[in-house]
């Protein structure tokens, strides 16, 4: 699943291509329509597909920005502001093309679920192979309360103190540290890949209870998370399987990962081990992490 660096990369690439442009027509896939008829709300949430298409038509894209792992598009129509919130899920990808045939990878071309025709003649396309992505059209962020519970951005001045305070709460102190740092209400945008890397960097076992880690080591861990996230942003994110920046561009951070997906520890050459924490596979070195 794309994490903060991957989403940041999409936002940075998408913004200059679509900001200031107007959506002349929005069109959703039959898959979305059929899922809503069955009560499953695939991709488009809390809104009927036809109403979503009608609402988006005529909207100007004023700004594209990121919050945690979400893409926010500030829109305007008839002087009224709207917010389109997009989560990429596991395999969501954006394309800005002249025609669908310009999408080179067949797997993305086969799973187009939203087409936004721009008045400039381009197509803004959202493809999602596994259909875990989301769209929510809101007037304000308050209309979807979970967005208000997201932790501060990890680069914000108050993020470290916020993290330390959360770790002291009983609900987090008794959980494995790996599960805690992947919780978006504790640290914003850190998922399995970068949690694995940061824990390895500071030598902390992913299953160690948060309450049994000193304040100094927690600070070192937070700083390691910041460092690996920033490095990944610079590298365009990690393309592990289906993640792409816009128009099918892959990231480069996967070539710099030290522990995620590795069989041998780069520090001591020991065989790595895996365990499941918080429903995710955790890779760690049994010698270097304790």
C-alpha atoms as a PDB file:
ATOM      1  CA  UNK A   1       0.000   0.000   0.000  1.00  0.00           C
ATOM      2  CA  UNK A   2       1.419   3.425  -0.906  1.00  0.00           C
ATOM      3  CA  UNK A   3       2.688   5.284   2.147  1.00  0.00           C
ATOM      4  CA  UNK A   4       3.410   8.976   2.740  1.00  0.00           C
ATOM      5  CA  UNK A   5       6.376   9.270   0.304  1.00  0.00           C
ATOM      6  CA  UNK A   6       4.500   7.567  -2.536  1.00  0.00           C
ATOM      7  CA  UNK A   7       1.434   9.760  -2.069  1.00  0.00           C
ATOM      8  CA  UNK A   8       3.618  12.872  -1.834  1.00  0.00           C
ATOM      9  CA  UNK A   9       5.228  11.894  -5.130  1.00  0.00           C
ATOM     10  CA  UNK A  10       1.848  11.546  -6.819  1.00  0.00           C
ATOM     11  CA  UNK A  11       0.741  14.941  -5.505  1.00  0.00           C
ATOM     12  CA  UNK A  12       3.915  16.686  -6.666  1.00  0.00           C
ATOM     13  CA  UNK A  13       3.631  15.187 -10.147  1.00  0.00           C
ATOM     14  CA  UNK A  14      -0.130  15.609 -10.485  1.00  0.00           C
ATOM     15  CA  UNK A  15      -0.460  19.180  -9.239  1.00  0.00           C
ATOM     16  CA  UNK A  16       1.271  21.070 -12.094  1.00  0.00           C
ATOM     17  CA  UNK A  17      -0.629  19.047 -14.681  1.00  0.00           C
ATOM     18  CA  UNK A  18      -4.182  19.657 -13.431  1.00  0.00           C
ATOM     19  CA  UNK A  19      -4.360  22.689 -11.096  1.00  0.00           C
ATOM     20  CA  UNK A  20      -6.329  25.506 -12.688  1.00  0.00           C
ATOM     21  CA  UNK A  21      -8.122  23.173 -15.085  1.00  0.00           C
ATOM     22  CA  UNK A  22     -11.840  22.421 -15.226  1.00  0.00           C
ATOM     23  CA  UNK A  23     -13.517  19.008 -15.318  1.00  0.00           C
ATOM     24  CA  UNK A  24     -15.976  19.065 -18.213  1.00  0.00           C
ATOM     25  CA  UNK A  25     -17.288  15.561 -17.592  1.00  0.00           C
ATOM     26  CA  UNK A  26     -16.822  12.783 -15.045  1.00  0.00           C
ATOM     27  CA  UNK A  27     -17.444   9.140 -15.848  1.00  0.00           C
ATOM     28  CA  UNK A  28     -17.282   6.098 -13.556  1.00  0.00           C
ATOM     29  CA  UNK A  29     -16.868   2.438 -14.472  1.00  0.00           C
ATOM     30  CA  UNK A  30     -19.669  -0.114 -14.649  1.00  0.00           C
ATOM     31  CA  UNK A  31     -17.913  -1.944 -11.813  1.00  0.00           C
ATOM     32  CA  UNK A  32     -18.552   0.997  -9.499  1.00  0.00           C
ATOM     33  CA  UNK A  33     -22.202   1.235 -10.573  1.00  0.00           C
ATOM     34  CA  UNK A  34     -22.761  -2.493 -10.082  1.00  0.00           C
ATOM     35  CA  UNK A  35     -21.118  -2.491  -6.652  1.00  0.00           C
ATOM     36  CA  UNK A  36     -23.383   0.326  -5.471  1.00  0.00           C
ATOM     37  CA  UNK A  37     -26.424  -1.556  -6.710  1.00  0.00           C
ATOM     38  CA  UNK A  38     -25.285  -4.431  -4.478  1.00  0.00           C
ATOM     39  CA  UNK A  39     -24.702  -2.095  -1.531  1.00  0.00           C
ATOM     40  CA  UNK A  40     -20.898  -2.459  -1.530  1.00  0.00           C
ATOM     41  CA  UNK A  41     -19.837   1.103  -2.473  1.00  0.00           C
ATOM     42  CA  UNK A  42     -16.711   0.220  -4.446  1.00  0.00           C
ATOM     43  CA  UNK A  43     -14.288   3.203  -4.630  1.00  0.00           C
ATOM     44  CA  UNK A  44     -16.921   5.981  -4.488  1.00  0.00           C
ATOM     45  CA  UNK A  45     -18.105   6.266  -0.876  1.00  0.00           C
ATOM     46  CA  UNK A  46     -21.295   7.712   0.607  1.00  0.00           C
ATOM     47  CA  UNK A  47     -22.574   9.002  -2.729  1.00  0.00           C
ATOM     48  CA  UNK A  48     -24.420   7.485  -5.655  1.00  0.00           C
ATOM     49  CA  UNK A  49     -22.215   7.159  -8.767  1.00  0.00           C
ATOM     50  CA  UNK A  50     -24.549   9.226 -10.967  1.00  0.00           C
ATOM     51  CA  UNK A  51     -24.650  12.011  -8.370  1.00  0.00           C
ATOM     52  CA  UNK A  52     -20.840  11.906  -8.110  1.00  0.00           C
ATOM     53  CA  UNK A  53     -20.479  12.261 -11.890  1.00  0.00           C
ATOM     54  CA  UNK A  54     -22.937  15.151 -12.004  1.00  0.00           C
ATOM     55  CA  UNK A  55     -21.321  16.950  -9.071  1.00  0.00           C
ATOM     56  CA  UNK A  56     -17.781  16.730 -10.494  1.00  0.00           C
ATOM     57  CA  UNK A  57     -18.770  18.046 -13.914  1.00  0.00           C
ATOM     58  CA  UNK A  58     -17.911  21.732 -14.166  1.00  0.00           C
ATOM     59  CA  UNK A  59     -15.608  21.804 -11.135  1.00  0.00           C
ATOM     60  CA  UNK A  60     -12.305  23.703 -11.274  1.00  0.00           C
ATOM     61  CA  UNK A  61      -9.288  22.082  -9.632  1.00  0.00           C
ATOM     62  CA  UNK A  62      -7.876  24.779  -7.372  1.00  0.00           C
ATOM     63  CA  UNK A  63      -5.224  22.859  -5.445  1.00  0.00           C
ATOM     64  CA  UNK A  64      -3.801  19.345  -4.997  1.00  0.00           C
ATOM     65  CA  UNK A  65      -2.139  18.520  -1.687  1.00  0.00           C
ATOM     66  CA  UNK A  66      -1.510  15.649   0.709  1.00  0.00           C
ATOM     67  CA  UNK A  67      -2.575  14.787   4.250  1.00  0.00           C
ATOM     68  CA  UNK A  68      -0.961  11.606   5.600  1.00  0.00           C
ATOM     69  CA  UNK A  69      -1.708   8.951   2.940  1.00  0.00           C
ATOM     70  CA  UNK A  70      -4.598  10.883   1.383  1.00  0.00           C
ATOM     71  CA  UNK A  71      -4.682  13.052  -1.726  1.00  0.00           C
ATOM     72  CA  UNK A  72      -6.809  16.182  -1.275  1.00  0.00           C
ATOM     73  CA  UNK A  73      -8.148  18.081  -4.275  1.00  0.00           C
ATOM     74  CA  UNK A  74      -9.638  21.484  -3.490  1.00  0.00           C
ATOM     75  CA  UNK A  75     -12.388  22.067  -6.043  1.00  0.00           C
ATOM     76  CA  UNK A  76     -14.755  24.919  -6.816  1.00  0.00           C
ATOM     77  CA  UNK A  77     -18.048  25.075  -8.685  1.00  0.00           C
ATOM     78  CA  UNK A  78     -20.315  28.105  -9.029  1.00  0.00           C
ATOM     79  CA  UNK A  79     -18.304  29.825  -6.316  1.00  0.00           C
ATOM     80  CA  UNK A  80     -18.796  26.964  -3.841  1.00  0.00           C
ATOM     81  CA  UNK A  81     -15.775  25.061  -2.433  1.00  0.00           C
ATOM     82  CA  UNK A  82     -15.583  21.263  -2.359  1.00  0.00           C
ATOM     83  CA  UNK A  83     -12.974  18.746  -1.248  1.00  0.00           C
ATOM     84  CA  UNK A  84     -12.325  15.527  -3.163  1.00  0.00           C
ATOM     85  CA  UNK A  85     -10.485  13.087  -0.914  1.00  0.00           C
ATOM     86  CA  UNK A  86      -8.701  10.195  -2.601  1.00  0.00           C
ATOM     87  CA  UNK A  87      -6.977   7.200  -1.039  1.00  0.00           C
ATOM     88  CA  UNK A  88      -4.917   5.081  -3.435  1.00  0.00           C
ATOM     89  CA  UNK A  89      -5.651   1.856  -1.570  1.00  0.00           C
ATOM     90  CA  UNK A  90      -3.187  -0.849  -2.595  1.00  0.00           C
ATOM     91  CA  UNK A  91      -3.070  -0.346  -6.358  1.00  0.00           C
ATOM     92  CA  UNK A  92      -4.557   3.060  -7.203  1.00  0.00           C
ATOM     93  CA  UNK A  93      -2.775   5.079  -9.894  1.00  0.00           C
ATOM     94  CA  UNK A  94      -3.370   8.408 -11.652  1.00  0.00           C
ATOM     95  CA  UNK A  95      -2.761   9.221 -15.303  1.00  0.00           C
ATOM     96  CA  UNK A  96      -2.978  12.477 -17.262  1.00  0.00           C
ATOM     97  CA  UNK A  97      -3.147  11.502 -20.931  1.00  0.00           C
ATOM     98  CA  UNK A  98      -4.609  12.556 -24.244  1.00  0.00           C
ATOM     99  CA  UNK A  99      -6.336   9.192 -24.698  1.00  0.00           C
ATOM    100  CA  UNK A 100      -6.643   5.925 -22.783  1.00  0.00           C
ATOM    101  CA  UNK A 101      -4.317   4.180 -25.214  1.00  0.00           C
ATOM    102  CA  UNK A 102      -1.476   6.346 -23.882  1.00  0.00           C
ATOM    103  CA  UNK A 103      -1.504   4.249 -20.695  1.00  0.00           C
ATOM    104  CA  UNK A 104       1.280   1.784 -21.442  1.00  0.00           C
ATOM    105  CA  UNK A 105       0.744  -0.928 -18.813  1.00  0.00           C
ATOM    106  CA  UNK A 106      -2.175  -3.120 -19.763  1.00  0.00           C
ATOM    107  CA  UNK A 107      -3.073  -3.947 -16.145  1.00  0.00           C
ATOM    108  CA  UNK A 108      -3.800  -0.287 -15.437  1.00  0.00           C
ATOM    109  CA  UNK A 109      -5.590   0.233 -18.735  1.00  0.00           C
ATOM    110  CA  UNK A 110      -7.895  -2.714 -17.966  1.00  0.00           C
ATOM    111  CA  UNK A 111      -8.911  -1.359 -14.567  1.00  0.00           C
ATOM    112  CA  UNK A 112      -9.882   2.259 -15.204  1.00  0.00           C
ATOM    113  CA  UNK A 113     -12.609   3.273 -12.774  1.00  0.00           C
ATOM    114  CA  UNK A 114     -12.830   7.062 -13.086  1.00  0.00           C
ATOM    115  CA  UNK A 115     -12.375   9.305 -16.100  1.00  0.00           C
ATOM    116  CA  UNK A 116     -12.351  13.074 -15.733  1.00  0.00           C
ATOM    117  CA  UNK A 117     -12.393  14.889 -19.069  1.00  0.00           C
ATOM    118  CA  UNK A 118     -10.674  18.269 -18.760  1.00  0.00           C
ATOM    119  CA  UNK A 119     -11.698  21.306 -20.798  1.00  0.00           C
ATOM    120  CA  UNK A 120      -8.105  21.471 -22.070  1.00  0.00           C
ATOM    121  CA  UNK A 121      -8.634  18.167 -23.894  1.00  0.00           C
ATOM    122  CA  UNK A 122      -6.734  15.850 -21.557  1.00  0.00           C
ATOM    123  CA  UNK A 123      -8.072  12.908 -19.594  1.00  0.00           C
ATOM    124  CA  UNK A 124      -7.458  12.642 -15.860  1.00  0.00           C
ATOM    125  CA  UNK A 125      -7.778   8.924 -15.150  1.00  0.00           C
ATOM    126  CA  UNK A 126      -7.870   6.897 -11.955  1.00  0.00           C
ATOM    127  CA  UNK A 127      -7.050   3.199 -12.324  1.00  0.00           C
ATOM    128  CA  UNK A 128      -7.275   0.695  -9.483  1.00  0.00           C
ATOM    129  CA  UNK A 129      -6.482  -2.971 -10.072  1.00  0.00           C
ATOM    130  CA  UNK A 130      -7.707  -4.306  -6.725  1.00  0.00           C
ATOM    131  CA  UNK A 131     -10.370  -1.631  -6.140  1.00  0.00           C
ATOM    132  CA  UNK A 132      -9.398  -0.757  -2.555  1.00  0.00           C
ATOM    133  CA  UNK A 133      -9.015   2.936  -3.421  1.00  0.00           C
ATOM    134  CA  UNK A 134     -11.527   5.550  -2.298  1.00  0.00           C
ATOM    135  CA  UNK A 135     -13.157   8.785  -3.382  1.00  0.00           C
ATOM    136  CA  UNK A 136     -15.138  11.006  -1.008  1.00  0.00           C
ATOM    137  CA  UNK A 137     -16.614  14.293  -2.165  1.00  0.00           C
ATOM    138  CA  UNK A 138     -17.030  16.620   0.812  1.00  0.00           C
ATOM    139  CA  UNK A 139     -17.850  20.250   1.479  1.00  0.00           C
ATOM    140  CA  UNK A 140     -15.412  20.306   4.397  1.00  0.00           C
ATOM    141  CA  UNK A 141     -13.088  17.811   6.079  1.00  0.00           C
ATOM    142  CA  UNK A 142     -15.417  17.768   9.094  1.00  0.00           C
ATOM    143  CA  UNK A 143     -17.906  15.674   7.108  1.00  0.00           C
ATOM    144  CA  UNK A 144     -15.611  12.645   7.437  1.00  0.00           C
ATOM    145  CA  UNK A 145     -14.538  12.560  11.133  1.00  0.00           C
ATOM    146  CA  UNK A 146     -11.743   9.936  10.732  1.00  0.00           C
ATOM    147  CA  UNK A 147      -9.757  12.561   8.809  1.00  0.00           C
ATOM    148  CA  UNK A 148      -9.783  14.773  11.904  1.00  0.00           C
ATOM    149  CA  UNK A 149      -8.131  12.036  13.980  1.00  0.00           C
ATOM    150  CA  UNK A 150      -5.004  11.782  11.822  1.00  0.00           C
ATOM    151  CA  UNK A 151      -1.766  12.544  13.675  1.00  0.00           C
ATOM    152  CA  UNK A 152       0.258  15.672  12.765  1.00  0.00           C
ATOM    153  CA  UNK A 153       2.487  15.411   9.732  1.00  0.00           C
ATOM    154  CA  UNK A 154       5.768  13.796  10.912  1.00  0.00           C
ATOM    155  CA  UNK A 155       7.726  16.859   9.798  1.00  0.00           C
ATOM    156  CA  UNK A 156       5.605  19.278  11.852  1.00  0.00           C
ATOM    157  CA  UNK A 157       7.189  20.922  14.880  1.00  0.00           C
ATOM    158  CA  UNK A 158       4.768  19.331  17.356  1.00  0.00           C
ATOM    159  CA  UNK A 159       4.811  15.826  15.849  1.00  0.00           C
ATOM    160  CA  UNK A 160       7.520  14.401  18.134  1.00  0.00           C
ATOM    161  CA  UNK A 161       5.844  15.505  21.360  1.00  0.00           C
ATOM    162  CA  UNK A 162       2.519  14.251  20.028  1.00  0.00           C
ATOM    163  CA  UNK A 163       4.110  10.855  19.324  1.00  0.00           C
ATOM    164  CA  UNK A 164       5.720  10.629  22.761  1.00  0.00           C
ATOM    165  CA  UNK A 165       2.465  11.549  24.484  1.00  0.00           C
ATOM    166  CA  UNK A 166       0.503   8.929  22.524  1.00  0.00           C
ATOM    167  CA  UNK A 167       3.051   6.253  23.445  1.00  0.00           C
ATOM    168  CA  UNK A 168       2.360   6.901  27.125  1.00  0.00           C
ATOM    169  CA  UNK A 169      -1.327   6.050  26.799  1.00  0.00           C
ATOM    170  CA  UNK A 170      -2.216   2.534  28.075  1.00  0.00           C
ATOM    171  CA  UNK A 171      -3.863   1.596  24.751  1.00  0.00           C
ATOM    172  CA  UNK A 172      -0.522   2.097  22.998  1.00  0.00           C
ATOM    173  CA  UNK A 173       1.994   1.329  25.746  1.00  0.00           C
ATOM    174  CA  UNK A 174       0.946  -2.331  25.788  1.00  0.00           C
ATOM    175  CA  UNK A 175       1.109  -2.783  22.017  1.00  0.00           C
ATOM    176  CA  UNK A 176       4.132  -3.784  19.882  1.00  0.00           C
ATOM    177  CA  UNK A 177       6.025  -0.699  18.748  1.00  0.00           C
ATOM    178  CA  UNK A 178       5.671  -1.697  15.079  1.00  0.00           C
ATOM    179  CA  UNK A 179       1.879  -1.649  15.381  1.00  0.00           C
ATOM    180  CA  UNK A 180       1.969   1.712  17.153  1.00  0.00           C
ATOM    181  CA  UNK A 181       4.107   3.554  14.606  1.00  0.00           C
ATOM    182  CA  UNK A 182       1.904   2.247  11.773  1.00  0.00           C
ATOM    183  CA  UNK A 183      -1.166   3.727  13.478  1.00  0.00           C
ATOM    184  CA  UNK A 184      -2.144   6.906  11.640  1.00  0.00           C
ATOM    185  CA  UNK A 185      -3.442   8.420  14.867  1.00  0.00           C
ATOM    186  CA  UNK A 186       0.071   8.183  16.344  1.00  0.00           C
ATOM    187  CA  UNK A 187       2.333   8.942  13.363  1.00  0.00           C
ATOM    188  CA  UNK A 188       0.952  10.228  10.098  1.00  0.00           C
ATOM    189  CA  UNK A 189       1.706   8.271   6.926  1.00  0.00           C
ATOM    190  CA  UNK A 190       4.147   5.610   8.185  1.00  0.00           C
ATOM    191  CA  UNK A 191       3.242   2.141   6.930  1.00  0.00           C
ATOM    192  CA  UNK A 192       4.861  -1.274   6.831  1.00  0.00           C
ATOM    193  CA  UNK A 193       7.803  -0.446   4.574  1.00  0.00           C
ATOM    194  CA  UNK A 194       9.134   2.575   6.446  1.00  0.00           C
ATOM    195  CA  UNK A 195       8.258   1.258   9.894  1.00  0.00           C
ATOM    196  CA  UNK A 196      10.383  -1.809   9.079  1.00  0.00           C
ATOM    197  CA  UNK A 197      13.265   0.359   7.903  1.00  0.00           C
ATOM    198  CA  UNK A 198      13.187   2.760  10.844  1.00  0.00           C
ATOM    199  CA  UNK A 199      13.048  -0.021  13.442  1.00  0.00           C
ATOM    200  CA  UNK A 200      16.039  -1.711  11.825  1.00  0.00           C
ATOM    201  CA  UNK A 201      17.956   1.567  11.726  1.00  0.00           C
ATOM    202  CA  UNK A 202      17.680   2.031  15.509  1.00  0.00           C
ATOM    203  CA  UNK A 203      17.916  -1.692  16.371  1.00  0.00           C
ATOM    204  CA  UNK A 204      14.474  -2.081  17.953  1.00  0.00           C
ATOM    205  CA  UNK A 205      12.619  -5.392  17.702  1.00  0.00           C
ATOM    206  CA  UNK A 206       9.226  -4.821  16.027  1.00  0.00           C
ATOM    207  CA  UNK A 207       7.374  -6.794  18.718  1.00  0.00           C
ATOM    208  CA  UNK A 208       8.877  -4.947  21.698  1.00  0.00           C
ATOM    209  CA  UNK A 209       6.126  -3.387  23.802  1.00  0.00           C
ATOM    210  CA  UNK A 210       6.055   0.371  23.389  1.00  0.00           C
ATOM    211  CA  UNK A 211       6.029   0.949  27.147  1.00  0.00           C
ATOM    212  CA  UNK A 212       9.326  -0.951  27.488  1.00  0.00           C
ATOM    213  CA  UNK A 213      11.230   1.387  25.189  1.00  0.00           C
ATOM    214  CA  UNK A 214      13.054   4.347  26.733  1.00  0.00           C
ATOM    215  CA  UNK A 215      12.189   7.914  25.811  1.00  0.00           C
ATOM    216  CA  UNK A 216      15.632   8.320  24.228  1.00  0.00           C
ATOM    217  CA  UNK A 217      15.104   5.316  21.953  1.00  0.00           C
ATOM    218  CA  UNK A 218      11.609   6.541  21.050  1.00  0.00           C
ATOM    219  CA  UNK A 219      13.080   9.885  20.016  1.00  0.00           C
ATOM    220  CA  UNK A 220      15.760   8.109  17.956  1.00  0.00           C
ATOM    221  CA  UNK A 221      13.043   5.981  16.333  1.00  0.00           C
ATOM    222  CA  UNK A 222      10.935   9.018  15.466  1.00  0.00           C
ATOM    223  CA  UNK A 223      13.954  10.727  13.931  1.00  0.00           C
ATOM    224  CA  UNK A 224      14.696   7.567  11.919  1.00  0.00           C
ATOM    225  CA  UNK A 225      11.115   7.580  10.613  1.00  0.00           C
ATOM    226  CA  UNK A 226      11.487  11.205   9.555  1.00  0.00           C
ATOM    227  CA  UNK A 227      14.793  10.446   7.846  1.00  0.00           C
ATOM    228  CA  UNK A 228      13.578   7.423   5.866  1.00  0.00           C
ATOM    229  CA  UNK A 229      10.387   9.202   4.805  1.00  0.00           C
ATOM    230  CA  UNK A 230      12.340  12.209   3.531  1.00  0.00           C
ATOM    231  CA  UNK A 231      14.827   9.985   1.710  1.00  0.00           C
ATOM    232  CA  UNK A 232      11.992   8.109   0.050  1.00  0.00           C
ATOM    233  CA  UNK A 233      10.295  11.338  -1.023  1.00  0.00           C
ATOM    234  CA  UNK A 234      13.548  12.357  -2.722  1.00  0.00           C
ATOM    235  CA  UNK A 235      13.708   8.963  -4.463  1.00  0.00           C
ATOM    236  CA  UNK A 236      10.109   9.102  -5.685  1.00  0.00           C
ATOM    237  CA  UNK A 237       8.848   6.436  -3.281  1.00  0.00           C
ATOM    238  CA  UNK A 238       9.145   2.652  -3.369  1.00  0.00           C
ATOM    239  CA  UNK A 239       7.749   0.606  -6.237  1.00  0.00           C
ATOM    240  CA  UNK A 240       7.345  -2.833  -4.645  1.00  0.00           C
ATOM    241  CA  UNK A 241       4.545  -4.224  -6.806  1.00  0.00           C
ATOM    242  CA  UNK A 242       1.854  -2.039  -8.370  1.00  0.00           C
ATOM    243  CA  UNK A 243       2.684   1.430  -7.028  1.00  0.00           C
ATOM    244  CA  UNK A 244       3.246   4.037  -9.720  1.00  0.00           C
ATOM    245  CA  UNK A 245       3.658   7.775  -9.719  1.00  0.00           C
ATOM    246  CA  UNK A 246       1.462   9.436 -12.343  1.00  0.00           C
ATOM    247  CA  UNK A 247       1.564   8.070 -15.896  1.00  0.00           C
ATOM    248  CA  UNK A 248       3.175   4.808 -14.819  1.00  0.00           C
ATOM    249  CA  UNK A 249       6.461   6.185 -13.462  1.00  0.00           C
ATOM    250  CA  UNK A 250       8.149   3.939 -10.883  1.00  0.00           C
ATOM    251  CA  UNK A 251       9.912   5.077  -7.716  1.00  0.00           C
ATOM    252  CA  UNK A 252      13.517   4.324  -6.769  1.00  0.00           C
ATOM    253  CA  UNK A 253      13.523   3.903  -2.990  1.00  0.00           C
ATOM    254  CA  UNK A 254      13.110   0.120  -3.236  1.00  0.00           C
ATOM    255  CA  UNK A 255      16.789  -0.078  -4.221  1.00  0.00           C
ATOM    256  CA  UNK A 256      17.836   1.561  -0.939  1.00  0.00           C
ATOM    257  CA  UNK A 257      15.748  -0.472   1.499  1.00  0.00           C
ATOM    258  CA  UNK A 258      17.891  -2.254   4.088  1.00  0.00           C
ATOM    259  CA  UNK A 259      15.437  -4.650   5.781  1.00  0.00           C
ATOM    260  CA  UNK A 260      12.019  -4.654   4.124  1.00  0.00           C
ATOM    261  CA  UNK A 261      11.682  -7.813   2.037  1.00  0.00           C
ATOM    262  CA  UNK A 262      15.269  -8.902   2.763  1.00  0.00           C
ATOM    263  CA  UNK A 263      16.438 -12.445   3.548  1.00  0.00           C
ATOM    264  CA  UNK A 264      19.893 -11.500   4.854  1.00  0.00           C
ATOM    265  CA  UNK A 265      20.753  -8.719   7.300  1.00  0.00           C
ATOM    266  CA  UNK A 266      23.083  -6.187   5.607  1.00  0.00           C
ATOM    267  CA  UNK A 267      24.793  -5.476   8.944  1.00  0.00           C
ATOM    268  CA  UNK A 268      25.608  -8.928  10.351  1.00  0.00           C
ATOM    269  CA  UNK A 269      24.703 -11.320   7.489  1.00  0.00           C
ATOM    270  CA  UNK A 270      22.288 -13.261   9.715  1.00  0.00           C
ATOM    271  CA  UNK A 271      19.152 -14.725   8.191  1.00  0.00           C
ATOM    272  CA  UNK A 272      16.248 -12.376   8.788  1.00  0.00           C
ATOM    273  CA  UNK A 273      13.029 -13.544  10.420  1.00  0.00           C
ATOM    274  CA  UNK A 274       9.391 -12.650   9.886  1.00  0.00           C
ATOM    275  CA  UNK A 275       6.388 -12.377  12.172  1.00  0.00           C
ATOM    276  CA  UNK A 276       2.906 -10.940  11.871  1.00  0.00           C
ATOM    277  CA  UNK A 277       2.230  -7.724  13.780  1.00  0.00           C
ATOM    278  CA  UNK A 278      -0.947  -5.746  13.400  1.00  0.00           C
ATOM    279  CA  UNK A 279      -1.957  -7.938  10.487  1.00  0.00           C
ATOM    280  CA  UNK A 280       1.208  -7.123   8.532  1.00  0.00           C
ATOM    281  CA  UNK A 281       4.312  -9.199   7.888  1.00  0.00           C
ATOM    282  CA  UNK A 282       7.272  -7.806   9.807  1.00  0.00           C
ATOM    283  CA  UNK A 283      10.822  -8.544   8.714  1.00  0.00           C
ATOM    284  CA  UNK A 284      13.614  -8.091  11.253  1.00  0.00           C
ATOM    285  CA  UNK A 285      17.121  -9.198  12.171  1.00  0.00           C
ATOM    286  CA  UNK A 286      17.135 -11.419  15.275  1.00  0.00           C
ATOM    287  CA  UNK A 287      20.687 -10.306  16.125  1.00  0.00           C
ATOM    288  CA  UNK A 288      20.609  -6.575  15.432  1.00  0.00           C
ATOM    289  CA  UNK A 289      17.131  -5.802  16.733  1.00  0.00           C
ATOM    290  CA  UNK A 290      16.168  -6.363  20.353  1.00  0.00           C
END
